[in-house]
Amino acid sequence: MADDPETVERVRRLLASRDDVVEKRMVGGLSWSVRDRMCCGVTVTGLMVRLGRDGVAAALSEPHVRPMTLGGKPLAAFVLVEPAGYAADADLVRWLDRALEFLASEG
């Protein structure tokens, strides 16, 4: 599956200041790991964000957010944000910050 090149560049730019980020192709698009743990990814259909179970439950009530599925099965710790949900840079920053906060909370 392809990814959205514009969103890929936006995410790269926002994560560029970190020295603990690894970018690689996986989960149907391009993904980023932070401190060796998957953080987020970009596919052709949206932005995949790792929020943990509690974060997923809260995020699913927000506009433009749906469960992230892989092979037809939901991923408990991730949501998929549709492009309208991160069209503005401030919204993309907010989603990435939420994912980074979740990763930091897990130690």
N, C-alpha and C. Protein backbone atom coordinates (compact mmCIF):
# COMPACT_ATOMS: atom_id res chain seq x y z
N MET A 1 0.84 -1.17 0.00
CA MET A 1 0.00 0.00 0.00
C MET A 1 0.89 1.24 0.00
N ALA A 2 0.47 2.26 -0.64
CA ALA A 2 1.22 3.50 -0.72
C ALA A 2 0.91 4.38 0.49
N ASP A 3 1.67 5.44 0.61
CA ASP A 3 1.39 6.41 1.66
C ASP A 3 1.20 7.77 1.02
N ASP A 4 0.81 8.74 1.82
CA ASP A 4 0.58 10.11 1.36
C ASP A 4 1.88 10.90 1.50
N PRO A 5 2.55 11.21 0.37
CA PRO A 5 3.87 11.83 0.44
C PRO A 5 3.87 13.18 1.16
N GLU A 6 2.83 13.95 1.02
CA GLU A 6 2.78 15.26 1.70
C GLU A 6 2.75 15.08 3.21
N THR A 7 1.93 14.15 3.68
CA THR A 7 1.85 13.91 5.12
C THR A 7 3.16 13.30 5.62
N VAL A 8 3.76 12.42 4.85
CA VAL A 8 5.06 11.85 5.23
C VAL A 8 6.06 12.97 5.49
N GLU A 9 6.14 13.92 4.60
CA GLU A 9 7.10 15.03 4.76
C GLU A 9 6.75 15.88 5.97
N ARG A 10 5.49 16.10 6.23
CA ARG A 10 5.08 16.87 7.41
C ARG A 10 5.49 16.15 8.69
N VAL A 11 5.26 14.84 8.75
CA VAL A 11 5.64 14.07 9.95
C VAL A 11 7.16 14.07 10.09
N ARG A 12 7.88 13.85 9.02
CA ARG A 12 9.35 13.88 9.07
C ARG A 12 9.85 15.19 9.66
N ARG A 13 9.28 16.27 9.17
CA ARG A 13 9.70 17.61 9.63
C ARG A 13 9.45 17.76 11.12
N LEU A 14 8.31 17.29 11.60
CA LEU A 14 7.97 17.44 13.01
C LEU A 14 8.80 16.55 13.92
N LEU A 15 9.28 15.42 13.42
CA LEU A 15 10.08 14.51 14.24
C LEU A 15 11.58 14.69 14.03
N ALA A 16 11.97 15.57 13.12
CA ALA A 16 13.38 15.72 12.72
C ALA A 16 14.30 16.12 13.86
N SER A 17 13.81 16.81 14.86
CA SER A 17 14.68 17.28 15.94
C SER A 17 15.03 16.19 16.95
N ARG A 18 14.37 15.05 16.85
CA ARG A 18 14.61 13.95 17.79
C ARG A 18 15.72 13.04 17.26
N ASP A 19 16.53 12.51 18.16
CA ASP A 19 17.58 11.59 17.74
C ASP A 19 17.24 10.14 18.05
N ASP A 20 16.01 9.90 18.50
CA ASP A 20 15.59 8.54 18.86
C ASP A 20 14.50 7.99 17.93
N VAL A 21 14.42 8.54 16.73
CA VAL A 21 13.38 8.18 15.77
C VAL A 21 13.96 7.32 14.65
N VAL A 22 13.24 6.26 14.32
CA VAL A 22 13.61 5.41 13.18
C VAL A 22 12.40 5.33 12.26
N GLU A 23 12.64 5.54 10.99
CA GLU A 23 11.59 5.50 9.98
C GLU A 23 11.74 4.23 9.15
N LYS A 24 10.63 3.52 8.93
CA LYS A 24 10.71 2.35 8.07
C LYS A 24 9.34 1.99 7.51
N ARG A 25 9.37 1.24 6.41
CA ARG A 25 8.14 0.77 5.77
C ARG A 25 7.58 -0.40 6.57
N MET A 26 6.34 -0.26 6.98
CA MET A 26 5.64 -1.35 7.66
C MET A 26 4.18 -0.96 7.85
N VAL A 27 3.36 -1.92 8.15
CA VAL A 27 1.94 -1.75 8.43
C VAL A 27 1.24 -0.99 7.28
N GLY A 28 1.59 -1.31 6.07
CA GLY A 28 0.91 -0.74 4.92
C GLY A 28 1.27 0.68 4.58
N GLY A 29 2.36 1.18 5.09
CA GLY A 29 2.76 2.55 4.80
C GLY A 29 4.15 2.81 5.35
N LEU A 30 4.38 4.04 5.76
CA LEU A 30 5.65 4.43 6.35
C LEU A 30 5.40 4.69 7.82
N SER A 31 6.22 4.11 8.68
CA SER A 31 6.02 4.22 10.12
C SER A 31 7.26 4.78 10.80
N TRP A 32 7.02 5.34 11.99
CA TRP A 32 8.10 5.88 12.80
C TRP A 32 8.07 5.23 14.17
N SER A 33 9.23 4.81 14.62
CA SER A 33 9.40 4.29 15.97
C SER A 33 10.20 5.31 16.76
N VAL A 34 9.86 5.43 18.03
CA VAL A 34 10.57 6.32 18.94
C VAL A 34 11.07 5.45 20.09
N ARG A 35 12.37 5.52 20.35
CA ARG A 35 12.99 4.67 21.38
C ARG A 35 12.62 3.21 21.16
N ASP A 36 12.68 2.78 19.91
CA ASP A 36 12.44 1.39 19.51
C ASP A 36 10.99 0.93 19.70
N ARG A 37 10.05 1.87 19.80
CA ARG A 37 8.64 1.50 19.93
C ARG A 37 7.82 2.26 18.91
N MET A 38 6.96 1.55 18.22
CA MET A 38 6.15 2.15 17.16
C MET A 38 5.34 3.32 17.73
N CYS A 39 5.38 4.43 17.03
CA CYS A 39 4.72 5.66 17.47
C CYS A 39 3.57 6.04 16.54
N CYS A 40 3.86 6.12 15.25
CA CYS A 40 2.86 6.58 14.30
C CYS A 40 3.23 6.09 12.90
N GLY A 41 2.31 6.28 11.97
CA GLY A 41 2.55 5.89 10.60
C GLY A 41 1.62 6.62 9.66
N VAL A 42 1.99 6.64 8.41
CA VAL A 42 1.17 7.28 7.38
C VAL A 42 0.87 6.25 6.30
N THR A 43 -0.40 6.11 5.99
CA THR A 43 -0.83 5.26 4.88
C THR A 43 -1.58 6.14 3.90
N VAL A 44 -2.05 5.55 2.85
CA VAL A 44 -2.82 6.31 1.88
C VAL A 44 -4.17 6.75 2.46
N THR A 45 -4.64 6.06 3.49
CA THR A 45 -5.95 6.37 4.07
C THR A 45 -5.90 7.27 5.29
N GLY A 46 -4.73 7.48 5.88
CA GLY A 46 -4.70 8.34 7.04
C GLY A 46 -3.45 8.22 7.88
N LEU A 47 -3.54 8.77 9.08
CA LEU A 47 -2.46 8.81 10.04
C LEU A 47 -2.75 7.79 11.14
N MET A 48 -1.86 6.84 11.30
CA MET A 48 -1.99 5.84 12.34
C MET A 48 -1.24 6.39 13.56
N VAL A 49 -1.92 6.39 14.72
CA VAL A 49 -1.34 6.97 15.92
C VAL A 49 -1.46 5.99 17.08
N ARG A 50 -0.35 5.77 17.78
CA ARG A 50 -0.36 4.88 18.94
C ARG A 50 -0.72 5.69 20.18
N LEU A 51 -1.83 5.30 20.82
CA LEU A 51 -2.31 6.02 21.99
C LEU A 51 -2.52 5.13 23.20
N GLY A 52 -2.36 3.82 23.05
CA GLY A 52 -2.67 2.90 24.13
C GLY A 52 -4.17 2.69 24.25
N ARG A 53 -4.56 1.68 24.99
CA ARG A 53 -5.98 1.33 25.09
C ARG A 53 -6.84 2.49 25.59
N ASP A 54 -6.41 3.14 26.67
CA ASP A 54 -7.20 4.24 27.22
C ASP A 54 -7.27 5.42 26.25
N GLY A 55 -6.15 5.72 25.62
CA GLY A 55 -6.12 6.81 24.65
C GLY A 55 -6.98 6.53 23.43
N VAL A 56 -7.01 5.27 23.01
CA VAL A 56 -7.85 4.89 21.87
C VAL A 56 -9.32 5.11 22.22
N ALA A 57 -9.72 4.66 23.40
CA ALA A 57 -11.12 4.81 23.81
C ALA A 57 -11.55 6.27 23.79
N ALA A 58 -10.70 7.16 24.28
CA ALA A 58 -11.02 8.58 24.29
C ALA A 58 -11.02 9.16 22.88
N ALA A 59 -10.05 8.77 22.06
CA ALA A 59 -9.91 9.35 20.72
C ALA A 59 -11.05 8.95 19.79
N LEU A 60 -11.61 7.76 20.00
CA LEU A 60 -12.67 7.29 19.09
C LEU A 60 -13.93 8.15 19.15
N SER A 61 -14.06 8.97 20.16
CA SER A 61 -15.22 9.86 20.23
C SER A 61 -14.98 11.18 19.49
N GLU A 62 -13.77 11.36 18.98
CA GLU A 62 -13.42 12.59 18.28
C GLU A 62 -13.72 12.48 16.78
N PRO A 63 -13.97 13.62 16.14
CA PRO A 63 -14.23 13.58 14.70
C PRO A 63 -13.02 13.07 13.92
N HIS A 64 -13.29 12.40 12.82
CA HIS A 64 -12.29 11.94 11.86
C HIS A 64 -11.39 10.82 12.39
N VAL A 65 -11.82 10.14 13.44
CA VAL A 65 -11.03 9.08 14.05
C VAL A 65 -11.82 7.78 13.99
N ARG A 66 -11.12 6.71 13.62
CA ARG A 66 -11.75 5.39 13.59
C ARG A 66 -10.75 4.35 14.09
N PRO A 67 -11.23 3.17 14.40
CA PRO A 67 -10.30 2.14 14.86
C PRO A 67 -9.30 1.80 13.75
N MET A 68 -8.09 1.53 14.14
CA MET A 68 -7.07 1.06 13.20
C MET A 68 -7.18 -0.44 13.12
N THR A 69 -7.27 -0.95 11.90
CA THR A 69 -7.35 -2.39 11.72
C THR A 69 -6.18 -2.87 10.88
N LEU A 70 -5.80 -4.10 11.11
CA LEU A 70 -4.75 -4.74 10.34
C LEU A 70 -5.21 -6.16 10.08
N GLY A 71 -5.33 -6.52 8.84
CA GLY A 71 -5.84 -7.84 8.50
C GLY A 71 -7.27 -8.05 8.95
N GLY A 72 -8.04 -6.95 8.99
CA GLY A 72 -9.44 -7.02 9.40
C GLY A 72 -9.67 -7.04 10.89
N LYS A 73 -8.58 -6.99 11.68
CA LYS A 73 -8.70 -7.02 13.14
C LYS A 73 -8.26 -5.67 13.72
N PRO A 74 -9.00 -5.19 14.71
CA PRO A 74 -8.62 -3.90 15.32
C PRO A 74 -7.32 -4.02 16.11
N LEU A 75 -6.52 -2.97 16.04
CA LEU A 75 -5.31 -2.88 16.85
C LEU A 75 -5.67 -2.09 18.11
N ALA A 76 -5.54 -2.70 19.25
CA ALA A 76 -6.03 -2.14 20.51
C ALA A 76 -5.37 -0.82 20.89
N ALA A 77 -4.16 -0.59 20.49
CA ALA A 77 -3.42 0.58 20.95
C ALA A 77 -3.35 1.72 19.93
N PHE A 78 -3.96 1.53 18.75
CA PHE A 78 -3.83 2.50 17.66
C PHE A 78 -5.18 2.98 17.15
N VAL A 79 -5.20 4.21 16.65
CA VAL A 79 -6.35 4.72 15.90
C VAL A 79 -5.86 5.15 14.53
N LEU A 80 -6.80 5.31 13.61
CA LEU A 80 -6.52 5.87 12.30
C LEU A 80 -7.25 7.20 12.20
N VAL A 81 -6.51 8.25 11.97
CA VAL A 81 -7.08 9.58 11.84
C VAL A 81 -7.19 9.89 10.36
N GLU A 82 -8.39 10.24 9.93
CA GLU A 82 -8.61 10.58 8.52
C GLU A 82 -7.96 11.92 8.21
N PRO A 83 -7.58 12.17 6.96
CA PRO A 83 -6.86 13.39 6.61
C PRO A 83 -7.49 14.69 7.11
N ALA A 84 -8.78 14.78 7.17
CA ALA A 84 -9.42 16.00 7.67
C ALA A 84 -9.06 16.27 9.13
N GLY A 85 -8.69 15.22 9.85
CA GLY A 85 -8.35 15.36 11.26
C GLY A 85 -6.96 15.88 11.53
N TYR A 86 -6.13 15.97 10.50
CA TYR A 86 -4.77 16.52 10.67
C TYR A 86 -4.38 17.43 9.51
N ALA A 87 -5.38 18.01 8.85
CA ALA A 87 -5.11 18.91 7.72
C ALA A 87 -4.31 20.14 8.15
N ALA A 88 -4.65 20.67 9.30
CA ALA A 88 -3.90 21.82 9.84
C ALA A 88 -2.67 21.31 10.57
N ASP A 89 -1.57 22.03 10.46
CA ASP A 89 -0.34 21.63 11.14
C ASP A 89 -0.54 21.48 12.64
N ALA A 90 -1.33 22.37 13.23
CA ALA A 90 -1.58 22.31 14.68
C ALA A 90 -2.25 20.99 15.05
N ASP A 91 -3.13 20.50 14.21
CA ASP A 91 -3.79 19.23 14.49
C ASP A 91 -2.82 18.06 14.36
N LEU A 92 -1.95 18.09 13.37
CA LEU A 92 -0.96 17.04 13.22
C LEU A 92 -0.01 17.03 14.43
N VAL A 93 0.41 18.19 14.85
CA VAL A 93 1.27 18.30 16.03
C VAL A 93 0.55 17.72 17.25
N ARG A 94 -0.72 18.01 17.40
CA ARG A 94 -1.48 17.50 18.54
C ARG A 94 -1.51 15.98 18.55
N TRP A 95 -1.75 15.36 17.40
CA TRP A 95 -1.78 13.89 17.32
C TRP A 95 -0.40 13.29 17.63
N LEU A 96 0.64 13.87 17.07
CA LEU A 96 1.99 13.35 17.34
C LEU A 96 2.36 13.53 18.81
N ASP A 97 2.00 14.67 19.38
CA ASP A 97 2.27 14.89 20.80
C ASP A 97 1.56 13.86 21.67
N ARG A 98 0.34 13.53 21.31
CA ARG A 98 -0.40 12.52 22.08
C ARG A 98 0.31 11.16 22.01
N ALA A 99 0.78 10.81 20.83
CA ALA A 99 1.49 9.53 20.69
C ALA A 99 2.79 9.54 21.48
N LEU A 100 3.53 10.63 21.40
CA LEU A 100 4.80 10.74 22.14
C LEU A 100 4.56 10.73 23.65
N GLU A 101 3.50 11.38 24.10
CA GLU A 101 3.16 11.37 25.52
C GLU A 101 2.81 9.95 25.98
N PHE A 102 2.08 9.22 25.15
CA PHE A 102 1.76 7.84 25.52
C PHE A 102 3.04 7.02 25.66
N LEU A 103 3.93 7.12 24.69
CA LEU A 103 5.18 6.36 24.75
C LEU A 103 6.00 6.74 25.97
N ALA A 104 6.04 8.02 26.29
CA ALA A 104 6.80 8.46 27.47
C ALA A 104 6.18 7.92 28.76
N SER A 105 4.87 7.80 28.78
CA SER A 105 4.20 7.32 30.00
C SER A 105 4.44 5.85 30.27
N GLU A 106 4.83 5.12 29.24
CA GLU A 106 5.10 3.69 29.40
C GLU A 106 6.53 3.41 29.83
N GLY A 107 7.33 4.46 29.92
CA GLY A 107 8.70 4.29 30.39
C GLY A 107 9.56 3.80 29.36
